[in-house]
Amino acid sequence: MTMDYVHNLMDYYDPVVESDDPEDIPHFKDVLIEDCVCTGGNIGVVIHGLKDKPETISNITIRNCALRTQLKADLADCEDVQIIDGGI
């Protein structure tokens, strides 16, 4: 999960226009990811919310997932993220 997707919709070098309108800010919350396997990647879970706005990605639970990667997780600007190993 990442909020850095704007550049996928435009030329990467075009400036990003920021908005202070709360209706323009997406939120990911109350998400459960369960019983997954991630094998061979560099990072098992990447969660990056909007810079200095951790509430944009909140209450995320990753449960009973086998993360067979070099780094289990890369978390930034998010809140209440739980990664619960289940040993699958």
Protein backbone atom coordinates (compact mmCIF):
# COMPACT_ATOMS: atom_id res chain seq x y z
CA MET A 1 0.00 0.00 0.00
CA THR A 2 1.42 3.32 -0.97
CA MET A 3 0.19 6.82 -1.52
CA ASP A 4 2.97 7.47 -4.06
CA TYR A 5 0.93 6.50 -7.11
CA VAL A 6 0.39 9.91 -8.71
CA HIS A 7 3.38 9.49 -10.98
CA ASN A 8 1.79 6.40 -12.52
CA LEU A 9 -0.89 8.64 -14.01
CA MET A 10 1.37 11.31 -15.47
CA ASP A 11 4.82 12.04 -16.79
CA TYR A 12 7.13 11.28 -13.87
CA TYR A 13 8.85 14.66 -14.13
CA ASP A 14 5.66 16.76 -14.16
CA PRO A 15 5.14 18.60 -10.88
CA VAL A 16 2.57 17.13 -8.51
CA VAL A 17 -0.18 19.54 -7.55
CA GLU A 18 -1.04 19.12 -3.88
CA SER A 19 -4.47 19.79 -2.44
CA ASP A 20 -5.49 20.68 1.10
CA ASP A 21 -9.09 19.67 0.45
CA PRO A 22 -9.85 16.67 2.73
CA GLU A 23 -12.04 15.19 -0.03
CA ASP A 24 -8.94 14.83 -2.23
CA ILE A 25 -6.98 12.78 0.31
CA PRO A 26 -7.54 9.00 0.11
CA HIS A 27 -7.49 6.80 3.22
CA PHE A 28 -6.85 3.10 3.64
CA LYS A 29 -8.17 1.80 6.96
CA ASP A 30 -9.50 -1.30 8.66
CA VAL A 31 -7.77 -3.73 6.28
CA LEU A 32 -7.09 -7.41 7.02
CA ILE A 33 -4.69 -9.44 4.86
CA GLU A 34 -4.60 -13.08 5.88
CA ASP A 35 -3.09 -16.45 4.90
CA CYS A 36 -0.70 -15.21 2.19
CA VAL A 37 2.77 -16.33 1.16
CA CYS A 38 5.43 -13.99 -0.18
CA THR A 39 8.58 -15.78 -1.32
CA GLY A 40 11.80 -14.44 -2.79
CA GLY A 41 11.12 -10.71 -2.79
CA ASN A 42 13.28 -8.06 -1.18
CA ILE A 43 10.49 -6.74 1.06
CA GLY A 44 7.39 -8.67 2.14
CA VAL A 45 5.17 -5.71 3.04
CA VAL A 46 5.48 -2.07 1.96
CA ILE A 47 3.10 0.43 3.53
CA HIS A 48 3.74 4.14 2.94
CA GLY A 49 1.11 6.72 3.83
CA LEU A 50 1.21 10.39 2.91
CA LYS A 51 4.22 12.19 4.34
CA ASP A 52 3.43 13.59 7.80
CA LYS A 53 -0.15 12.21 7.61
CA PRO A 54 0.00 8.71 9.14
CA GLU A 55 -3.79 8.59 9.49
CA THR A 56 -4.05 8.07 5.71
CA ILE A 57 -3.15 4.39 6.21
CA SER A 58 -4.35 3.01 9.55
CA ASN A 59 -5.57 -0.10 11.33
CA ILE A 60 -3.93 -2.62 9.01
CA THR A 61 -3.51 -6.23 10.15
CA ILE A 62 -1.41 -8.78 8.28
CA ARG A 63 -2.01 -12.13 9.92
CA ASN A 64 -0.81 -15.68 9.35
CA CYS A 65 1.31 -14.74 6.34
CA ALA A 66 4.66 -16.30 5.47
CA LEU A 67 7.01 -13.48 4.52
CA ARG A 68 10.06 -15.31 3.15
CA THR A 69 11.87 -12.16 2.09
CA GLN A 70 15.08 -10.32 2.93
CA LEU A 71 13.18 -7.66 4.90
CA LYS A 72 9.81 -8.41 6.48
CA ALA A 73 8.36 -4.89 6.25
CA ASP A 74 9.02 -1.29 5.24
CA LEU A 75 6.54 0.96 7.04
CA ALA A 76 6.40 4.77 6.84
CA ASP A 77 3.82 7.40 7.71
CA CYS A 78 1.16 4.90 8.79
CA GLU A 79 -0.39 3.99 12.11
CA ASP A 80 -1.62 0.86 13.89
CA VAL A 81 -0.06 -1.68 11.53
CA GLN A 82 0.26 -5.19 12.96
CA ILE A 83 2.16 -8.03 11.35
CA ILE A 84 1.28 -11.22 13.20
CA ASP A 85 3.31 -14.28 12.18
CA GLY A 86 1.27 -17.43 11.85
CA GLY A 87 3.93 -19.78 10.62
CA ILE A 88 2.18 -20.97 7.48
